Structure formats: C-alpha cells, structure tokens
Amino acid sequence: MSRNLWLAAFCLAAAVPAHAQVQPDFYNLPDKVKPGQTIIVIDERGAEIKGKVEEVSGSKLVLNYGHGAIDPSLPTSRTFAPGEVQKVLKPGHLWDGAVKGAVIGVIPIIVLAASEDCFDCGWGQAAVTTGLIGAGIGVGIDALFGPKTVYRGNVRASRVSLTPILGRERKGVAASIRF
C-alpha cells in the first residue's frame, strides 16, 4: 500500500472511539424543584431513589435520602451529575386531585340549583354527593398517573464511529451514527 493510504487508514482507525461532544446539564431543573422538596430520581441503571433536594444547579443535584438515620455508617445523600440521571419525578399530593375532582363534581349541581327557584329541593345533599364522587375520581386519577416528570436526561450519549475497510479490491469507510 502507498504511504498516503496507510496514513488515511491510521487516521480513520484513530477516529473510531470518537464521541460526539455533548455537555449535558440540568437545563431547567432548578426552576422546577427547590431545596426541601421531595423528588424521585431514576439513575442511569434504572434505580429509583426518593429523597429531599439538598441542592440543585445546572451541573449537579444533591439528594438526601436519609438512610443515615437507620444506620449512621450509611451515607445520607448522593450527588448526581446530569449524565447520571434518566428522569426526575415530582410526586404530587393526592389531596390536590381530591379538591379538583370535588369542585368539578359540584359545579353542575350549583348550575342546576341556580336555574330553579326551589330552596328546599335537596340541592345541598346532591352537591355533597357529587362532590364526594368527584373527589374520589380525582384521587383515582392522581394515583393512576403518578408523579410528574420534571426532567429527562440523555444517559446514552450520541456516538459517531468510523471504521476503515481495507482489502485487495475494497477501500472505504464504514460510518455509524447513534443518537
């Protein structure tokens, strides 16, 4: 082979382990969670860690999960870099769904009661009944849909790989791009 061909093959072989330069960060997480709030972090292996936020910035998330209260030899917090986090979930309160469901359940009864001139027709009992039914449905919907996702990370970095193809009759490059 000629010297230029060997040089091209060497350059292509050296480019194989090249990765796309992606600098991940917690882009809008500091706006969505504050220190003291309870969150659930799903790390790069898929493990769920629930705890309170100690510190959050664009470059790190510190989560206190409180195992030190059980055994003082265990760590009580963990610092996550953006590349180590798949998702951050913020659990909601079930009472929030109950209040919304109760209000939605009571509104039709209020509208019906306002459209009639009957003051002792039992609208109060109907309002309580539909409010309780609506609250139950609201709690069920909140429990069904679970915590709200406030951050999604890209644990798998993009990758570009180039492999030289050299043979008697073939010369070329095999390229692979993964997102």
Foldseek 3Di string as FASTA:
>chain_A
DDPVQVVVQVVQVVQAQDFPDDDQWQVCVCVVADFQAWKWWQWPVRDIQIAGWHDDDRFKTKGFRQPCVVPVVDDGIDIDGLLTTFFMWHWDDLQVLLQVQLVVQQVVLVVVVVVDPDDPPCSVVSSVVSSRVRSVVRSVVSVVVTTDTPDGGDNDGKGKGKHWDDDPVDTDIDIDIDD
